[in-house]
Amino acid sequence: MKEFFVPHTHDAADSIDDALEASTEGVRALKISLFALLGTTILQFAVVLFSGSVALLADTVHNFSDALTAVPLWVAFILARRPATRRYTYGLGRAEDLAGLFIIIVVALSAIVAGWQSVERIFNPHPLENLWWVVGAGLIGFAGNEAVAVFRIKVGRRIGSAALVADGVHARTDGFTSLAVVVGALGVMLGFPLADPIVGLLISITIFVLLWGTIRSIGRRLLDGIEPDLVHRAEHALKSTPGILGVEKLQLRWIGHRIHGTAVVSVAPGSTVEDADRVRREAQHRLGHSLPNLEEVTVATGPS
């Protein structure tokens, strides 16, 4: 059985450049979204101080925690740039997935705090003031979160970062919880004072429900799971390569936002070393085009 190390592109240096560029793009997205969410949070918190809305407080706390989740992701992208060592032979790309786990914990804690505040306000009602300011703050929260969500998801999908996409999806849910704050304020205006804490409690419950999708996504990557569509695309690329008679084994996994893997393919009996090298080079070219986030894959060939 012959083996050959296949980088993402025709040159291993190009693969390293792709990874560094993806990490740099991820850091840039986090910087921009961090300051955008902090600005939104400051505006909302100012309204909380002179309105007393616990629904808006729940949304503000959650937006603040969402902004802070950019920090561990930022650190993870920086760590992913470091080259592999004898101790960490795959590099530190897995730090990105661990950052995603940290995001889940922070978001869950923020939901618990917001829920507790809402329950306390149900049993100890407090009159709200400046409700139109609350409505305005809710709309600002929605606009800020949706802009951040679109940006994070777009960049995350382009560079293959599940953690960044999950953070973007979470920002989008934050936007809709901000709209829920608007609903609560309108309910108070219509003569239902408990609308505000009830909406705050519903926001907390919704966060936990929506968090399940993020848990599955990050958990799948930590367990080396990968999207079946990517496996299908890799199999198709290998099977369509002239000289490859079949794919005996294919393993792919994400490490951060880059794909690593192993493939065992069968070639015609009696193939020479030159023939096998030619087949592997063509397989390298096709895999690189089918999986843009491919970092490296070891291809082993053997007779059919």
Protein backbone atom coordinates (compact mmCIF):
# COMPACT_ATOMS: atom_id res chain seq x y z
CA MET A 1 0.00 0.00 0.00
CA LYS A 2 1.39 3.36 -1.03
CA GLU A 3 0.71 6.56 0.92
CA PHE A 4 1.03 10.18 0.04
CA PHE A 5 0.44 13.37 2.05
CA VAL A 6 -2.04 15.54 0.18
CA PRO A 7 -2.43 19.20 1.18
CA HIS A 8 -5.46 21.30 0.32
CA THR A 9 -3.93 22.88 -2.76
CA HIS A 10 -1.05 22.11 -5.07
CA ASP A 11 1.39 23.66 -2.62
CA ALA A 12 1.45 22.99 1.14
CA ALA A 13 2.41 26.63 1.70
CA ASP A 14 -0.85 27.63 -0.01
CA SER A 15 -2.76 25.52 2.52
CA ILE A 16 -1.08 27.31 5.41
CA ASP A 17 -1.84 30.68 3.79
CA ASP A 18 -5.52 29.68 3.40
CA ALA A 19 -5.74 28.74 7.07
CA LEU A 20 -4.08 31.98 8.19
CA GLU A 21 -6.32 34.04 5.94
CA ALA A 22 -9.43 32.29 7.29
CA SER A 23 -8.32 32.93 10.89
CA THR A 24 -7.60 36.58 10.11
CA GLU A 25 -11.02 36.98 8.52
CA GLY A 26 -12.64 35.37 11.56
CA VAL A 27 -10.84 37.74 13.94
CA ARG A 28 -11.89 40.72 11.82
CA ALA A 29 -15.54 39.60 11.97
CA LEU A 30 -15.34 39.20 15.74
CA LYS A 31 -13.81 42.66 16.24
CA ILE A 32 -16.52 44.39 14.25
CA SER A 33 -19.40 42.44 15.81
CA LEU A 34 -17.98 42.88 19.33
CA PHE A 35 -18.02 46.67 19.16
CA ALA A 36 -21.41 46.71 17.42
CA LEU A 37 -23.02 44.60 20.17
CA LEU A 38 -21.31 46.55 22.96
CA GLY A 39 -22.73 49.76 21.50
CA THR A 40 -26.20 48.22 21.38
CA THR A 41 -25.87 46.93 24.95
CA ILE A 42 -24.83 50.32 26.34
CA LEU A 43 -27.83 52.02 24.74
CA GLN A 44 -30.21 49.37 26.08
CA PHE A 45 -28.74 49.45 29.59
CA ALA A 46 -29.20 53.22 29.75
CA VAL A 47 -32.91 52.72 29.03
CA VAL A 48 -33.12 49.94 31.67
CA LEU A 49 -31.88 52.37 34.34
CA PHE A 50 -34.73 54.83 33.91
CA SER A 51 -37.49 52.42 32.82
CA GLY A 52 -37.17 49.46 35.20
CA SER A 53 -38.08 46.92 32.49
CA VAL A 54 -36.93 43.40 33.43
CA ALA A 55 -37.71 42.16 29.92
CA LEU A 56 -35.31 44.76 28.56
CA LEU A 57 -32.85 43.88 31.33
CA ALA A 58 -33.01 40.21 30.26
CA ASP A 59 -32.37 41.22 26.67
CA THR A 60 -29.54 43.58 27.68
CA VAL A 61 -27.79 40.97 29.82
CA HIS A 62 -28.09 38.47 27.03
CA ASN A 63 -26.73 40.91 24.44
CA PHE A 64 -23.81 41.69 26.74
CA SER A 65 -23.02 37.99 27.20
CA ASP A 66 -23.26 37.53 23.44
CA ALA A 67 -20.76 40.33 22.93
CA LEU A 68 -18.38 38.74 25.43
CA THR A 69 -18.49 35.42 23.58
CA ALA A 70 -16.44 37.11 20.86
CA VAL A 71 -13.45 37.20 23.23
CA PRO A 72 -12.79 33.42 23.58
CA LEU A 73 -13.42 32.98 19.86
CA TRP A 74 -10.94 35.75 19.17
CA VAL A 75 -8.34 33.97 21.32
CA ALA A 76 -9.12 30.65 19.61
CA PHE A 77 -8.58 32.10 16.12
CA ILE A 78 -5.23 33.50 17.24
CA LEU A 79 -4.19 30.13 18.71
CA ALA A 80 -5.21 28.40 15.47
CA ARG A 81 -2.54 30.39 13.63
CA ARG A 82 0.24 28.74 15.61
CA PRO A 83 2.10 25.98 13.76
CA ALA A 84 1.89 22.36 14.83
CA THR A 85 4.42 21.13 17.38
CA ARG A 86 5.69 17.73 18.51
CA ARG A 87 3.16 17.84 21.35
CA TYR A 88 0.24 19.29 19.34
CA THR A 89 0.83 17.64 15.99
CA TYR A 90 -2.50 18.89 14.58
CA GLY A 91 -1.94 22.42 15.85
CA LEU A 92 -4.36 24.24 18.16
CA GLY A 93 -7.36 24.50 15.86
CA ARG A 94 -9.49 22.55 18.33
CA ALA A 95 -9.41 25.61 20.60
CA GLU A 96 -12.10 27.07 18.36
CA ASP A 97 -14.52 24.26 19.25
CA LEU A 98 -13.69 24.63 22.95
CA ALA A 99 -14.49 28.33 22.63
CA GLY A 100 -17.85 27.31 21.21
CA LEU A 101 -18.44 25.20 24.33
CA PHE A 102 -17.60 28.21 26.48
CA ILE A 103 -20.14 30.26 24.51
CA ILE A 104 -22.85 27.72 25.35
CA ILE A 105 -22.05 27.95 29.09
CA VAL A 106 -22.05 31.77 29.11
CA VAL A 107 -25.33 32.00 27.21
CA ALA A 108 -26.99 29.44 29.51
CA LEU A 109 -25.88 31.36 32.61
CA SER A 110 -27.18 34.64 31.19
CA ALA A 111 -30.56 32.99 30.53
CA ILE A 112 -30.71 31.74 34.13
CA VAL A 113 -29.95 35.22 35.52
CA ALA A 114 -32.54 36.87 33.27
CA GLY A 115 -35.15 34.23 34.14
CA TRP A 116 -34.57 34.67 37.87
CA GLN A 117 -35.00 38.45 37.57
CA SER A 118 -38.26 37.97 35.67
CA VAL A 119 -39.73 35.52 38.20
CA GLU A 120 -38.80 37.86 41.04
CA ARG A 121 -40.57 40.74 39.30
CA ILE A 122 -43.74 38.65 38.79
CA PHE A 123 -44.07 38.18 42.55
CA ASN A 124 -42.88 41.72 43.33
CA PRO A 125 -44.32 43.96 40.60
CA HIS A 126 -42.65 47.27 39.89
CA PRO A 127 -44.21 50.07 37.82
CA LEU A 128 -42.50 50.79 34.51
CA GLU A 129 -41.65 54.22 33.19
CA ASN A 130 -40.70 55.68 29.81
CA LEU A 131 -42.23 52.78 27.90
CA TRP A 132 -41.67 54.36 24.51
CA TRP A 133 -37.96 54.40 25.30
CA VAL A 134 -38.21 50.68 26.04
CA VAL A 135 -39.85 50.16 22.65
CA GLY A 136 -37.05 52.14 20.99
CA ALA A 137 -34.36 50.18 22.84
CA GLY A 138 -35.96 46.91 21.78
CA LEU A 139 -35.94 47.97 18.15
CA ILE A 140 -32.29 49.07 18.45
CA GLY A 141 -31.46 45.67 19.94
CA PHE A 142 -33.14 43.90 17.05
CA ALA A 143 -31.37 45.98 14.40
CA GLY A 144 -27.95 45.60 16.04
CA ASN A 145 -28.24 41.86 16.57
CA GLU A 146 -29.56 41.15 13.07
CA ALA A 147 -26.70 43.10 11.48
CA VAL A 148 -24.17 41.17 13.59
CA ALA A 149 -25.93 37.86 12.84
CA VAL A 150 -25.81 38.35 9.07
CA PHE A 151 -22.13 39.28 9.23
CA ARG A 152 -21.04 36.42 11.53
CA ILE A 153 -23.00 33.74 9.66
CA LYS A 154 -21.69 34.92 6.29
CA VAL A 155 -18.07 34.90 7.40
CA GLY A 156 -18.46 31.71 9.45
CA ARG A 157 -19.86 29.77 6.50
CA ARG A 158 -17.20 31.11 4.17
CA ILE A 159 -14.31 30.01 6.41
CA GLY A 160 -16.06 26.87 7.75
CA SER A 161 -16.25 27.91 11.40
CA ALA A 162 -19.12 26.20 13.23
CA ALA A 163 -18.45 28.27 16.35
CA LEU A 164 -18.71 31.56 14.44
CA VAL A 165 -21.87 30.43 12.63
CA ALA A 166 -23.40 29.32 15.94
CA ASP A 167 -22.52 32.70 17.43
CA GLY A 168 -24.21 34.39 14.48
CA VAL A 169 -27.36 32.28 14.78
CA HIS A 170 -27.43 33.11 18.46
CA ALA A 171 -27.19 36.84 17.67
CA ARG A 172 -30.20 36.42 15.40
CA THR A 173 -32.23 34.84 18.20
CA ASP A 174 -31.18 37.77 20.38
CA GLY A 175 -32.70 40.07 17.78
CA PHE A 176 -36.06 38.36 18.04
CA THR A 177 -35.94 38.45 21.84
CA SER A 178 -35.44 42.22 21.50
CA LEU A 179 -38.67 42.33 19.50
CA ALA A 180 -40.30 40.39 22.34
CA VAL A 181 -39.29 43.24 24.65
CA VAL A 182 -41.25 45.58 22.38
CA VAL A 183 -44.28 43.29 22.70
CA GLY A 184 -43.98 43.34 26.50
CA ALA A 185 -43.82 47.14 26.61
CA LEU A 186 -46.86 47.42 24.36
CA GLY A 187 -48.69 44.98 26.64
CA VAL A 188 -47.99 47.21 29.65
CA MET A 189 -49.27 50.22 27.69
CA LEU A 190 -52.51 48.34 27.05
CA GLY A 191 -53.05 47.80 30.78
CA PHE A 192 -51.36 44.45 31.45
CA PRO A 193 -48.42 45.26 33.80
CA LEU A 194 -47.29 41.62 34.12
CA ALA A 195 -46.60 41.52 30.37
CA ASP A 196 -43.05 42.79 30.95
CA PRO A 197 -41.82 40.10 33.41
CA ILE A 198 -43.74 37.38 31.57
CA VAL A 199 -42.02 38.31 28.32
CA GLY A 200 -38.69 38.36 30.17
CA LEU A 201 -39.34 34.82 31.40
CA LEU A 202 -40.38 33.66 27.92
CA ILE A 203 -37.16 35.13 26.54
CA SER A 204 -35.11 33.04 28.99
CA ILE A 205 -37.03 29.86 28.11
CA THR A 206 -36.65 30.56 24.39
CA ILE A 207 -32.91 30.99 24.79
CA PHE A 208 -32.64 27.51 26.32
CA VAL A 209 -34.73 25.97 23.54
CA LEU A 210 -32.73 27.62 20.77
CA LEU A 211 -29.45 26.82 22.53
CA TRP A 212 -30.03 23.13 21.88
CA GLY A 213 -29.15 23.54 18.19
CA THR A 214 -25.85 25.19 19.12
CA ILE A 215 -25.08 22.40 21.60
CA ARG A 216 -25.63 19.78 18.89
CA SER A 217 -23.45 21.64 16.38
CA ILE A 218 -20.51 22.20 18.72
CA GLY A 219 -20.87 18.78 20.34
CA ARG A 220 -20.78 17.10 16.94
CA ARG A 221 -17.48 18.74 16.11
CA LEU A 222 -15.94 17.90 19.48
CA LEU A 223 -16.85 14.25 18.77
CA ASP A 224 -15.26 14.48 15.29
CA GLY A 225 -18.63 14.48 13.54
CA ILE A 226 -18.91 16.01 10.09
CA GLU A 227 -21.70 16.91 7.70
CA PRO A 228 -22.67 13.91 5.49
CA ASP A 229 -22.79 16.21 2.46
CA LEU A 230 -19.05 16.89 2.79
CA VAL A 231 -18.34 13.15 2.91
CA HIS A 232 -20.52 12.65 -0.17
CA ARG A 233 -18.66 15.40 -2.04
CA ALA A 234 -15.29 13.92 -1.10
CA GLU A 235 -16.38 10.42 -2.17
CA HIS A 236 -17.65 11.78 -5.49
CA ALA A 237 -14.34 13.60 -6.08
CA LEU A 238 -12.35 10.45 -5.40
CA LYS A 239 -14.57 8.10 -7.41
CA SER A 240 -14.53 10.44 -10.41
CA THR A 241 -10.73 10.48 -10.42
CA PRO A 242 -9.35 8.49 -13.39
CA GLY A 243 -7.52 5.41 -12.12
CA ILE A 244 -9.42 5.06 -8.84
CA LEU A 245 -11.67 1.99 -8.93
CA GLY A 246 -13.27 2.49 -5.53
CA VAL A 247 -13.09 4.18 -2.16
CA GLU A 248 -12.41 1.62 0.57
CA LYS A 249 -12.30 4.05 3.49
CA LEU A 250 -12.85 7.77 4.00
CA GLN A 251 -12.54 9.66 7.29
CA LEU A 252 -12.97 13.41 7.64
CA ARG A 253 -13.09 15.66 10.67
CA TRP A 254 -13.10 19.34 11.48
CA ILE A 255 -10.25 20.82 13.51
CA GLY A 256 -11.42 24.36 14.06
CA HIS A 257 -12.50 25.62 10.66
CA ARG A 258 -10.22 23.32 8.65
CA ILE A 259 -10.85 19.74 7.47
CA HIS A 260 -8.39 16.89 8.00
CA GLY A 261 -8.84 13.31 6.89
CA THR A 262 -7.69 9.93 5.60
CA ALA A 263 -8.73 8.05 2.48
CA VAL A 264 -7.96 4.52 1.26
CA VAL A 265 -8.67 4.00 -2.43
CA SER A 266 -8.25 1.03 -4.74
CA VAL A 267 -6.45 1.17 -8.08
CA ALA A 268 -5.94 -1.37 -10.84
CA PRO A 269 -3.71 -4.36 -9.95
CA GLY A 270 -0.20 -3.98 -11.30
CA SER A 271 -0.23 -0.17 -11.22
CA THR A 272 3.25 1.29 -11.07
CA VAL A 273 4.47 3.80 -8.51
CA GLU A 274 4.29 6.46 -11.24
CA ASP A 275 0.69 5.52 -11.97
CA ALA A 276 -0.24 5.74 -8.28
CA ASP A 277 1.45 9.13 -7.94
CA ARG A 278 -0.45 10.43 -10.97
CA VAL A 279 -3.74 9.21 -9.51
CA ARG A 280 -3.01 10.82 -6.16
CA ARG A 281 -2.10 14.15 -7.74
CA GLU A 282 -5.39 14.20 -9.63
CA ALA A 283 -7.26 13.19 -6.47
CA GLN A 284 -5.52 16.07 -4.68
CA HIS A 285 -6.74 18.52 -7.30
CA ARG A 286 -10.33 17.28 -7.19
CA LEU A 287 -10.56 17.12 -3.40
CA GLY A 288 -9.19 20.64 -3.14
CA HIS A 289 -11.98 21.94 -5.36
CA SER A 290 -14.71 19.87 -3.71
CA LEU A 291 -13.74 20.79 -0.14
CA PRO A 292 -12.49 24.39 -0.03
CA ASN A 293 -11.76 24.10 3.72
CA LEU A 294 -9.57 21.03 3.28
CA GLU A 295 -6.30 21.39 5.16
CA GLU A 296 -4.75 17.96 4.61
CA VAL A 297 -5.69 14.38 3.84
CA THR A 298 -3.57 11.25 3.66
CA VAL A 299 -4.46 9.12 0.62
CA ALA A 300 -3.39 5.48 0.58
CA THR A 301 -3.68 3.37 -2.57
CA GLY A 302 -3.82 -0.38 -3.01
CA PRO A 303 -4.83 -2.92 -5.65
CA SER A 304 -8.52 -3.58 -6.19
